[in-house]
């Protein structure tokens, strides 16, 4: 169970279900400085393995061969790691070579109500500062925009499309407390008509482990395991259905999905939702894993965690001398994309 514990520590986000204020959550642990993009100039490298076969794809050419033969590519992330976002950019560049401008980038970072502002920004009609103010990035997401900026810049420069995938936080929170039946008609518009709860054994074990990890905490007592699983299904299904609707309406488009590793793992979350809704779609998922060195052989414990494991040497983050609410970055437990 060690692997589930490690994944849980890195990606669990139960607190979003309760919309805990940032300052209260931040006070629970020391803040860490986000690694700026400028300090990650060496790039993520191409230490990639097939997660089913164990075959190495440890070159740019091998990596591109994977991207070019798929319609939808998922590159998971640890939200405050700049190199993970540069890995996503590498995938987008490779996709641009193969698909030209017929690309959409789906962002978990933005909920569906923000699509109009995202359109304006992607089309160059809205300045960056105005965009961030209009969508209230600090409240909506919280992590340093600068580590996402290269992706947005590439979209704008190449006239690509962008899609706000996320389900509003209040909707996911409400489901966790009272189930799908607690939603109003207005809130249900962000979800598909039918929400399928996954039967994937490993993914359900992963979710149950994350739920059990909160023990007897006040948060865990506010809802049942059943509602937790339903809220996760609704979250993933809402994002998957959103992307599927775009692909079905825009023939010939390829898509890059920018989301937390928890929405990529085992292909049981967003990838499964899209596969069920887009006939014949070809997909490739990359789970980004921290590794000081590129493994000589594929680690057996990572088998089937996605289609591919991408090992990236994440720089160590130094804690600031004195953390303050203004300078602190939100810990993983307070940003919507990290759950489960």
Protein backbone atom coordinates (compact mmCIF):
# COMPACT_ATOMS: atom_id res chain seq x y z
CA UNK A 1 0.00 0.00 0.00
CA UNK A 2 3.02 2.30 0.08
CA UNK A 3 2.38 3.48 -3.47
CA UNK A 4 -1.15 4.57 -2.55
CA UNK A 5 0.18 6.46 0.43
CA UNK A 6 2.73 8.28 -1.71
CA UNK A 7 0.12 9.21 -4.30
CA UNK A 8 -2.26 10.30 -1.58
CA UNK A 9 0.28 12.57 0.08
CA UNK A 10 1.14 14.22 -3.24
CA UNK A 11 -2.33 14.66 -4.71
CA UNK A 12 -5.07 14.38 -2.08
CA UNK A 13 -7.43 17.33 -1.91
CA UNK A 14 -10.32 16.49 0.33
CA UNK A 15 -10.49 20.05 1.66
CA UNK A 16 -11.90 21.41 -1.59
CA UNK A 17 -15.13 19.64 -0.75
CA UNK A 18 -15.58 22.07 2.10
CA UNK A 19 -14.18 25.21 0.46
CA UNK A 20 -11.87 25.89 3.40
CA UNK A 21 -10.57 29.48 3.34
CA UNK A 22 -6.98 29.70 2.11
CA UNK A 23 -5.52 31.39 5.17
CA UNK A 24 -6.89 28.75 7.52
CA UNK A 25 -5.49 25.92 5.45
CA UNK A 26 -2.16 27.62 4.83
CA UNK A 27 -1.62 28.06 8.54
CA UNK A 28 -1.55 24.30 9.01
CA UNK A 29 1.83 23.78 7.32
CA UNK A 30 4.86 25.85 6.33
CA UNK A 31 4.61 27.47 2.93
CA UNK A 32 7.01 26.54 0.17
CA UNK A 33 8.27 28.73 -2.62
CA UNK A 34 7.16 27.69 -6.09
CA UNK A 35 10.03 26.84 -8.44
CA UNK A 36 9.90 29.57 -11.09
CA UNK A 37 9.94 28.67 -14.78
CA UNK A 38 13.20 30.60 -15.22
CA UNK A 39 14.95 28.22 -12.82
CA UNK A 40 13.60 25.19 -14.68
CA UNK A 41 15.19 26.17 -17.98
CA UNK A 42 16.84 22.76 -18.35
CA UNK A 43 13.43 21.33 -19.20
CA UNK A 44 11.75 18.11 -18.08
CA UNK A 45 13.85 15.76 -20.23
CA UNK A 46 12.41 12.66 -21.90
CA UNK A 47 12.63 9.88 -19.36
CA UNK A 48 9.46 8.11 -20.46
CA UNK A 49 8.40 4.47 -20.16
CA UNK A 50 5.37 2.60 -21.39
CA UNK A 51 3.46 1.74 -18.25
CA UNK A 52 2.11 -1.52 -19.62
CA UNK A 53 5.11 -2.77 -21.59
CA UNK A 54 7.94 -1.18 -19.60
CA UNK A 55 9.48 -0.10 -22.91
CA UNK A 56 11.64 3.02 -22.81
CA UNK A 57 10.74 6.06 -24.91
CA UNK A 58 13.77 8.02 -23.72
CA UNK A 59 14.30 10.39 -26.63
CA UNK A 60 12.48 13.35 -28.11
CA UNK A 61 11.84 11.39 -31.32
CA UNK A 62 10.32 8.47 -29.41
CA UNK A 63 8.19 10.85 -27.37
CA UNK A 64 6.93 12.61 -30.49
CA UNK A 65 6.02 9.28 -32.08
CA UNK A 66 3.58 8.71 -29.19
CA UNK A 67 2.06 12.19 -29.41
CA UNK A 68 1.64 12.09 -33.17
CA UNK A 69 -0.44 8.92 -33.24
CA UNK A 70 -2.99 10.00 -30.63
CA UNK A 71 -6.00 12.32 -30.72
CA UNK A 72 -6.10 13.16 -27.02
CA UNK A 73 -3.00 13.44 -24.82
CA UNK A 74 -3.16 13.77 -21.04
CA UNK A 75 -0.09 15.03 -19.20
CA UNK A 76 -0.68 14.95 -15.46
CA UNK A 77 0.98 17.32 -13.06
CA UNK A 78 1.88 18.15 -9.51
CA UNK A 79 0.46 21.65 -9.57
CA UNK A 80 3.36 23.63 -8.13
CA UNK A 81 6.07 21.92 -10.20
CA UNK A 82 7.21 24.10 -13.10
CA UNK A 83 8.86 21.19 -14.90
CA UNK A 84 5.56 19.31 -15.11
CA UNK A 85 4.09 22.29 -16.94
CA UNK A 86 7.06 22.38 -19.28
CA UNK A 87 6.41 18.70 -19.95
CA UNK A 88 2.89 19.64 -20.95
CA UNK A 89 4.34 22.30 -23.22
CA UNK A 90 6.60 19.72 -24.88
CA UNK A 91 3.52 17.64 -25.65
CA UNK A 92 1.72 20.67 -27.04
CA UNK A 93 4.65 21.57 -29.30
CA UNK A 94 4.79 18.03 -30.65
CA UNK A 95 1.06 18.07 -31.22
CA UNK A 96 1.31 21.38 -33.08
CA UNK A 97 3.84 19.85 -35.51
CA UNK A 98 1.42 17.06 -36.35
CA UNK A 99 -1.94 18.83 -36.18
CA UNK A 100 -1.26 22.46 -37.02
CA UNK A 101 -3.81 24.81 -35.47
CA UNK A 102 -6.55 22.20 -35.00
CA UNK A 103 -5.78 21.76 -31.33
CA UNK A 104 -7.70 22.47 -28.15
CA UNK A 105 -6.05 22.61 -24.73
CA UNK A 106 -8.35 21.63 -21.88
CA UNK A 107 -7.59 23.16 -18.48
CA UNK A 108 -8.67 21.71 -15.17
CA UNK A 109 -7.54 25.02 -13.66
CA UNK A 110 -10.62 26.89 -14.92
CA UNK A 111 -14.26 26.03 -14.34
CA UNK A 112 -16.77 26.01 -17.16
CA UNK A 113 -18.36 29.36 -16.28
CA UNK A 114 -15.08 31.08 -17.21
CA UNK A 115 -15.10 29.98 -20.85
CA UNK A 116 -16.01 33.44 -22.27
CA UNK A 117 -13.02 35.07 -20.57
CA UNK A 118 -10.76 32.20 -21.63
CA UNK A 119 -11.89 32.65 -25.23
CA UNK A 120 -11.05 36.33 -25.15
CA UNK A 121 -7.62 35.68 -23.69
CA UNK A 122 -6.77 32.83 -26.07
CA UNK A 123 -7.80 35.00 -29.03
CA UNK A 124 -5.59 37.88 -27.88
CA UNK A 125 -8.53 40.14 -27.11
CA UNK A 126 -7.78 40.34 -23.40
CA UNK A 127 -4.51 41.33 -21.76
CA UNK A 128 -2.98 38.92 -19.27
CA UNK A 129 -3.57 41.14 -16.23
CA UNK A 130 -7.17 41.73 -17.24
CA UNK A 131 -7.69 38.01 -17.78
CA UNK A 132 -6.31 37.08 -14.37
CA UNK A 133 -8.48 39.72 -12.70
CA UNK A 134 -11.57 38.74 -14.65
CA UNK A 135 -11.36 35.08 -13.72
CA UNK A 136 -9.97 35.81 -10.23
CA UNK A 137 -7.09 33.36 -10.77
CA UNK A 138 -5.87 33.58 -7.17
CA UNK A 139 -9.25 32.47 -5.85
CA UNK A 140 -10.12 30.11 -8.70
CA UNK A 141 -6.81 28.24 -8.68
CA UNK A 142 -4.21 29.85 -6.43
CA UNK A 143 -0.96 28.47 -7.83
CA UNK A 144 1.54 30.82 -9.44
CA UNK A 145 0.26 31.73 -12.92
CA UNK A 146 3.84 32.12 -14.16
CA UNK A 147 4.35 28.36 -14.25
CA UNK A 148 1.28 28.01 -16.49
CA UNK A 149 2.07 31.07 -18.58
CA UNK A 150 4.23 29.29 -21.22
CA UNK A 151 1.24 27.10 -22.11
CA UNK A 152 -1.10 30.07 -22.44
CA UNK A 153 1.48 32.03 -24.43
CA UNK A 154 1.88 29.15 -26.88
CA UNK A 155 -1.89 28.95 -27.33
CA UNK A 156 -2.14 32.67 -28.05
CA UNK A 157 0.87 32.79 -30.36
CA UNK A 158 -0.34 29.84 -32.42
CA UNK A 159 -4.05 30.70 -32.39
CA UNK A 160 -5.10 27.46 -30.72
CA UNK A 161 -8.32 26.92 -28.81
CA UNK A 162 -8.61 26.59 -25.05
CA UNK A 163 -11.32 24.89 -23.04
CA UNK A 164 -12.31 25.40 -19.41
CA UNK A 165 -12.98 21.87 -18.18
CA UNK A 166 -13.62 22.03 -14.47
CA UNK A 167 -16.86 21.64 -12.61
CA UNK A 168 -17.45 24.59 -10.25
CA UNK A 169 -16.06 23.84 -6.80
CA UNK A 170 -19.36 24.48 -5.05
CA UNK A 171 -21.03 21.76 -7.14
CA UNK A 172 -18.44 19.10 -6.24
CA UNK A 173 -18.62 20.18 -2.61
CA UNK A 174 -22.40 19.92 -2.55
CA UNK A 175 -22.37 16.41 -4.04
CA UNK A 176 -19.87 15.26 -1.40
CA UNK A 177 -22.20 16.45 1.32
CA UNK A 178 -25.57 15.41 -0.07
CA UNK A 179 -25.16 13.34 -3.21
CA UNK A 180 -26.28 14.09 -6.76
CA UNK A 181 -29.90 14.47 -5.66
CA UNK A 182 -28.93 17.56 -3.67
CA UNK A 183 -28.10 19.54 -6.82
CA UNK A 184 -30.41 22.13 -8.32
CA UNK A 185 -31.29 22.10 -12.02
CA UNK A 186 -28.83 24.96 -12.54
CA UNK A 187 -26.01 23.06 -10.86
CA UNK A 188 -26.69 19.91 -12.87
CA UNK A 189 -25.91 21.74 -16.13
CA UNK A 190 -22.18 21.24 -15.49
CA UNK A 191 -22.53 17.46 -15.46
CA UNK A 192 -23.56 14.90 -18.07
CA UNK A 193 -27.08 13.53 -17.79
CA UNK A 194 -25.72 10.25 -16.48
CA UNK A 195 -22.76 10.10 -14.10
CA UNK A 196 -21.00 6.75 -14.15
CA UNK A 197 -19.16 5.65 -11.01
CA UNK A 198 -16.04 3.80 -12.08
CA UNK A 199 -15.65 0.11 -11.40
CA UNK A 200 -11.89 0.26 -11.90
CA UNK A 201 -10.49 -1.77 -9.01
CA UNK A 202 -7.16 0.01 -8.56
CA UNK A 203 -8.66 3.46 -8.92
CA UNK A 204 -11.35 2.71 -6.37
CA UNK A 205 -8.70 1.40 -3.99
CA UNK A 206 -6.82 4.64 -4.56
CA UNK A 207 -9.92 6.73 -3.75
CA UNK A 208 -10.81 4.66 -0.71
CA UNK A 209 -7.23 4.97 0.58
CA UNK A 210 -7.36 8.75 0.21
CA UNK A 211 -10.71 8.85 2.00
CA UNK A 212 -9.49 6.61 4.84
CA UNK A 213 -6.40 8.78 5.20
CA UNK A 214 -8.47 11.47 6.87
CA UNK A 215 -9.50 9.12 9.66
CA UNK A 216 -11.77 10.79 12.21
CA UNK A 217 -11.04 14.35 11.14
CA UNK A 218 -13.97 16.82 11.16
CA UNK A 219 -13.90 16.91 7.37
CA UNK A 220 -14.21 13.15 6.99
CA UNK A 221 -17.22 13.11 9.32
CA UNK A 222 -19.13 15.55 7.12
CA UNK A 223 -19.85 13.04 4.37
CA UNK A 224 -19.95 9.33 3.59
CA UNK A 225 -17.59 7.27 1.48
CA UNK A 226 -20.45 6.72 -0.96
CA UNK A 227 -20.96 10.46 -1.50
CA UNK A 228 -17.21 10.98 -1.75
CA UNK A 229 -17.00 8.45 -4.57
CA UNK A 230 -20.01 10.01 -6.27
CA UNK A 231 -18.48 13.49 -6.03
CA UNK A 232 -15.26 12.22 -7.61
CA UNK A 233 -17.21 10.51 -10.38
CA UNK A 234 -19.17 13.69 -11.05
CA UNK A 235 -15.99 15.76 -11.09
CA UNK A 236 -14.26 13.47 -13.58
CA UNK A 237 -17.37 12.90 -15.68
CA UNK A 238 -18.06 16.62 -15.85
CA UNK A 239 -14.60 17.33 -17.25
CA UNK A 240 -14.62 14.31 -19.56
CA UNK A 241 -18.04 15.10 -20.98
CA UNK A 242 -17.01 18.70 -21.54
CA UNK A 243 -14.00 17.67 -23.64
CA UNK A 244 -15.94 14.94 -25.44
CA UNK A 245 -18.63 17.41 -26.48
CA UNK A 246 -15.99 19.64 -28.04
CA UNK A 247 -14.32 16.78 -29.91
CA UNK A 248 -17.62 15.45 -31.23
CA UNK A 249 -18.55 18.91 -32.48
CA UNK A 250 -15.13 19.69 -34.00
CA UNK A 251 -14.00 16.88 -36.28
CA UNK A 252 -10.27 16.56 -36.82
CA UNK A 253 -9.22 18.34 -33.63
CA UNK A 254 -6.62 16.96 -31.26
CA UNK A 255 -6.63 17.77 -27.56
CA UNK A 256 -4.10 18.22 -24.78
CA UNK A 257 -5.51 17.86 -21.27
CA UNK A 258 -3.74 19.78 -18.51
CA UNK A 259 -4.84 18.30 -15.19
CA UNK A 260 -3.62 16.89 -11.91
CA UNK A 261 -2.19 13.38 -11.86
CA UNK A 262 -5.19 12.27 -9.81
CA UNK A 263 -7.45 12.85 -12.82
CA UNK A 264 -5.14 10.83 -15.10
CA UNK A 265 -4.10 7.86 -12.97
CA UNK A 266 -5.04 4.39 -14.26
CA UNK A 267 -6.92 6.04 -17.15
CA UNK A 268 -9.95 5.68 -14.89
CA UNK A 269 -10.95 9.32 -14.50
CA UNK A 270 -11.06 11.85 -17.37
CA UNK A 271 -9.59 9.44 -19.97
CA UNK A 272 -12.30 6.84 -19.28
CA UNK A 273 -15.03 9.47 -19.50
CA UNK A 274 -13.79 10.74 -22.87
CA UNK A 275 -13.30 7.22 -24.25
CA UNK A 276 -16.91 6.36 -23.43
CA UNK A 277 -18.19 9.42 -25.29
CA UNK A 278 -15.97 9.77 -28.38
CA UNK A 279 -16.13 6.86 -30.81
CA UNK A 280 -12.76 5.54 -31.92
CA UNK A 281 -10.74 8.15 -30.01
CA UNK A 282 -7.01 7.41 -29.68
CA UNK A 283 -5.62 8.47 -26.31
CA UNK A 284 -2.31 8.56 -24.46
CA UNK A 285 -1.89 9.45 -20.81
CA UNK A 286 1.32 10.47 -19.05
CA UNK A 287 1.66 10.30 -15.28
CA UNK A 288 4.48 12.61 -14.17
CA UNK A 289 6.55 11.14 -11.35
CA UNK A 290 9.34 12.74 -9.37
CA UNK A 291 12.68 10.95 -9.79
CA UNK A 292 16.20 12.17 -9.01
CA UNK A 293 17.55 10.00 -11.86
CA UNK A 294 16.00 8.32 -14.86
CA UNK A 295 15.40 4.66 -13.93
CA UNK A 296 17.49 2.11 -15.80
CA UNK A 297 14.47 -0.20 -15.86
CA UNK A 298 10.80 0.59 -15.49
CA UNK A 299 9.76 0.28 -11.81
CA UNK A 300 7.25 -2.56 -11.51
CA UNK A 301 5.28 -0.74 -8.83
CA UNK A 302 4.31 1.90 -11.39
CA UNK A 303 2.80 -0.56 -13.84
CA UNK A 304 -0.52 0.53 -15.37
CA UNK A 305 -0.60 3.88 -13.56
CA UNK A 306 -1.21 5.47 -16.97
CA UNK A 307 -0.23 4.66 -20.55
CA UNK A 308 3.18 6.20 -19.88
CA UNK A 309 5.23 7.21 -16.86
CA UNK A 310 7.25 10.39 -17.29
CA UNK A 311 10.03 10.67 -14.71
CA UNK A 312 11.05 14.24 -13.95
CA UNK A 313 13.67 15.49 -11.50
CA UNK A 314 11.70 18.08 -9.55
CA UNK A 315 13.94 20.77 -8.02
CA UNK A 316 13.97 21.05 -4.26
CA UNK A 317 11.87 23.94 -2.99
CA UNK A 318 13.27 26.17 -0.29
CA UNK A 319 10.90 27.46 2.36
CA UNK A 320 10.91 31.26 2.71
CA UNK A 321 12.54 32.73 5.81
CA UNK A 322 9.19 33.91 7.13
CA UNK A 323 5.91 32.71 5.64
CA UNK A 324 3.07 35.21 5.46
CA UNK A 325 -0.46 34.88 4.05
CA UNK A 326 0.50 37.17 1.17
CA UNK A 327 3.69 35.36 0.21
CA UNK A 328 2.57 31.80 0.85
CA UNK A 329 1.62 29.54 -2.03
CA UNK A 330 -1.42 27.34 -1.42
CA UNK A 331 -0.49 23.85 -0.26
CA UNK A 332 -1.65 20.92 -2.36
CA UNK A 333 -4.58 20.39 0.00
CA UNK A 334 -6.23 23.70 -0.95
CA UNK A 335 -6.11 23.72 -4.77
CA UNK A 336 -8.97 22.17 -6.68
CA UNK A 337 -7.02 20.19 -9.21
CA UNK A 338 -5.08 18.03 -6.80
CA UNK A 339 -7.96 15.91 -5.55
CA UNK A 340 -8.23 13.00 -5.15
